[in-house]
Amino acid sequence: MGSRRARGGLIALFLGVFGAGIANAACSDTAVELRSGDALARFSIEVADTDAERALGLMNRPKLAASAGMLFVYETPRNASFWMKNTLIPLDMIFIDSAGQVTQVHSLAKPLDQTPIDGGQGVRFVLEINGGLANRLGIKAGSVMRNPNIDQATAVWPCNSE
């Protein structure tokens, strides 16, 4: 059971990709695209690429648009661990390696919970989106992301490909 507004937001995710044309929408500093099989999703993002931005993340926000997210960018691959302290909305955390491949998805992280969420080794990017959305869109381990922050020489889905 979902509201008409929520379904409209999900449709907008797909229309954002198909309506603009995949190649035209391909790589923007303010967006990520994810592909899982034939399913595509596009999110408008804020980038957190400094220690201060990553520490703040999506804390203290009462809502997040259905087509929005935050991309955490690390200089080098690492073991990434997150928590939900001061985070008011449930989130999905999508852990991604240096080549842009999803290695793990943690669904429906509980607001305000301080339990560490371990994303595993080799994490270079973490995409946070609204809780439950990754499952609805088919985003899972093995899905791929494209964004200009990924080294295009080693990207599994480079910006210049469809």
Protein backbone atom coordinates (compact mmCIF):
# COMPACT_ATOMS: atom_id res chain seq x y z
CA MET A 1 0.00 0.00 0.00
CA GLY A 2 1.53 3.31 -1.02
CA SER A 3 0.29 6.80 -1.42
CA ARG A 4 -0.28 8.30 -4.83
CA ARG A 5 2.40 10.87 -3.98
CA ALA A 6 4.97 8.15 -3.19
CA ARG A 7 4.20 6.24 -6.38
CA GLY A 8 4.50 9.48 -8.33
CA GLY A 9 7.95 10.03 -6.86
CA LEU A 10 9.06 6.55 -7.93
CA ILE A 11 7.74 7.11 -11.42
CA ALA A 12 9.65 10.39 -11.54
CA LEU A 13 12.88 8.51 -10.76
CA PHE A 14 12.44 6.44 -13.90
CA LEU A 15 11.13 9.27 -16.06
CA GLY A 16 14.17 11.32 -15.10
CA VAL A 17 16.32 8.73 -16.81
CA PHE A 18 14.15 7.79 -19.77
CA GLY A 19 12.69 11.25 -20.42
CA ALA A 20 16.08 12.94 -20.68
CA GLY A 21 17.78 10.10 -22.49
CA ILE A 22 20.35 7.99 -20.71
CA ALA A 23 23.38 9.39 -22.53
CA ASN A 24 22.32 13.00 -21.96
CA ALA A 25 21.66 12.49 -18.25
CA ALA A 26 24.68 10.23 -17.82
CA CYS A 27 27.14 11.94 -15.54
CA SER A 28 26.49 14.97 -13.45
CA ASP A 29 28.10 16.06 -10.20
CA THR A 30 24.58 16.47 -8.82
CA ALA A 31 23.17 13.07 -9.78
CA VAL A 32 23.84 9.35 -9.69
CA GLU A 33 22.35 6.65 -11.85
CA LEU A 34 21.99 3.06 -10.74
CA ARG A 35 21.36 0.08 -12.97
CA SER A 36 20.24 -3.37 -11.92
CA GLY A 37 19.53 -5.57 -14.91
CA ASP A 38 17.15 -3.56 -17.09
CA ALA A 39 15.97 -1.33 -14.22
CA LEU A 40 17.39 2.19 -14.01
CA ALA A 41 17.07 4.81 -11.30
CA ARG A 42 18.39 8.35 -11.06
CA PHE A 43 18.78 10.36 -7.88
CA SER A 44 19.61 14.02 -7.40
CA ILE A 45 22.38 14.08 -4.84
CA GLU A 46 24.30 16.17 -2.42
CA VAL A 47 27.95 15.13 -2.27
CA ALA A 48 29.69 14.70 1.09
CA ASP A 49 33.40 14.54 0.30
CA THR A 50 35.00 16.23 3.30
CA ASP A 51 35.30 14.90 6.84
CA ALA A 52 32.92 17.60 8.11
CA GLU A 53 30.29 16.91 5.42
CA ARG A 54 30.51 13.14 5.95
CA ALA A 55 30.19 13.58 9.75
CA LEU A 56 26.99 15.63 9.33
CA GLY A 57 25.45 13.55 6.55
CA LEU A 58 21.64 13.64 6.58
CA MET A 59 21.35 14.33 10.31
CA ASN A 60 18.52 16.50 11.63
CA ARG A 61 16.48 16.49 8.43
CA PRO A 62 12.77 15.76 8.83
CA LYS A 63 12.36 14.50 5.23
CA LEU A 64 14.14 13.61 2.02
CA ALA A 65 12.57 13.87 -1.43
CA ALA A 66 11.91 10.47 -3.06
CA SER A 67 14.33 11.24 -5.90
CA ALA A 68 17.07 12.65 -3.64
CA GLY A 69 20.03 11.23 -1.78
CA MET A 70 23.48 11.90 -0.42
CA LEU A 71 26.64 10.43 -1.91
CA PHE A 72 29.52 9.98 0.53
CA VAL A 73 32.81 10.02 -1.36
CA TYR A 74 36.05 8.73 0.20
CA GLU A 75 39.53 9.34 -1.21
CA THR A 76 40.46 5.66 -0.95
CA PRO A 77 38.59 2.38 -0.36
CA ARG A 78 38.00 1.56 3.30
CA ASN A 79 35.86 -0.23 5.81
CA ALA A 80 32.84 2.06 6.06
CA SER A 81 30.72 2.08 9.18
CA PHE A 82 27.71 4.34 9.70
CA TRP A 83 25.17 5.03 12.43
CA MET A 84 21.87 6.88 12.59
CA LYS A 85 22.57 9.23 15.52
CA ASN A 86 20.53 12.42 15.02
CA THR A 87 19.11 11.06 11.76
CA LEU A 88 15.34 11.48 11.82
CA ILE A 89 14.27 9.45 8.79
CA PRO A 90 14.79 5.78 7.88
CA LEU A 91 17.46 5.36 5.23
CA ASP A 92 18.85 2.75 2.87
CA MET A 93 22.64 2.74 2.76
CA ILE A 94 24.11 1.52 -0.50
CA PHE A 95 27.80 0.63 -0.23
CA ILE A 96 29.76 0.88 -3.49
CA ASP A 97 33.33 -0.02 -4.47
CA SER A 98 35.85 2.05 -6.48
CA ALA A 99 34.56 0.75 -9.83
CA GLY A 100 30.95 1.72 -9.04
CA GLN A 101 29.62 -1.74 -8.18
CA VAL A 102 27.23 -2.09 -5.26
CA THR A 103 28.75 -4.44 -2.70
CA GLN A 104 26.06 -4.30 -0.04
CA VAL A 105 22.74 -2.64 0.78
CA HIS A 106 21.58 -1.98 4.32
CA SER A 107 17.83 -1.40 4.18
CA LEU A 108 15.69 0.65 6.51
CA ALA A 109 18.30 1.90 8.96
CA LYS A 110 16.42 2.88 12.10
CA PRO A 111 16.24 6.61 12.90
CA LEU A 112 18.28 7.77 15.93
CA ASP A 113 19.86 4.33 16.40
CA GLN A 114 23.53 4.39 17.41
CA THR A 115 24.24 0.77 16.45
CA PRO A 116 27.09 0.69 13.91
CA ILE A 117 26.14 -0.37 10.38
CA ASP A 118 29.15 -2.07 8.81
CA GLY A 119 29.42 -1.66 5.04
CA GLY A 120 32.39 -3.98 4.75
CA GLN A 121 35.83 -3.55 3.22
CA GLY A 122 36.67 -1.82 -0.06
CA VAL A 123 33.95 0.85 0.18
CA ARG A 124 34.71 4.04 -1.76
CA PHE A 125 31.16 5.46 -1.98
CA VAL A 126 28.01 5.26 0.11
CA LEU A 127 24.67 6.41 -1.27
CA GLU A 128 21.94 7.18 1.27
CA ILE A 129 18.36 7.26 0.01
CA ASN A 130 14.94 6.97 1.61
CA GLY A 131 14.43 3.75 3.54
CA GLY A 132 12.84 0.91 1.56
CA LEU A 133 13.48 2.52 -1.81
CA ALA A 134 16.45 0.33 -2.79
CA ASN A 135 14.34 -2.81 -2.46
CA ARG A 136 11.44 -1.30 -4.43
CA LEU A 137 13.81 -0.27 -7.23
CA GLY A 138 15.74 -3.56 -7.29
CA ILE A 139 19.01 -2.02 -6.12
CA LYS A 140 21.13 -4.79 -4.60
CA ALA A 141 24.66 -6.19 -4.45
CA GLY A 142 25.87 -6.38 -8.05
CA SER A 143 23.96 -3.29 -9.21
CA VAL A 144 26.15 -0.58 -10.73
CA MET A 145 26.33 3.17 -10.27
CA ARG A 146 27.71 5.86 -12.51
CA ASN A 147 28.86 9.29 -11.46
CA PRO A 148 31.87 11.44 -12.39
CA ASN A 149 33.45 10.81 -8.96
CA ILE A 150 34.21 7.26 -10.12
CA ASP A 151 37.50 6.85 -11.99
CA GLN A 152 36.18 6.46 -15.53
CA ALA A 153 39.14 4.32 -16.59
CA THR A 154 38.09 1.57 -14.15
CA ALA A 155 34.33 2.21 -13.91
CA VAL A 156 32.09 -0.81 -14.58
CA TRP A 157 29.54 1.64 -16.04
CA PRO A 158 31.43 4.65 -17.38
CA CYS A 159 29.80 7.99 -18.07
CA ASN A 160 30.27 7.73 -21.82
CA SER A 161 28.37 4.45 -22.18
CA GLU A 162 24.71 3.58 -22.32
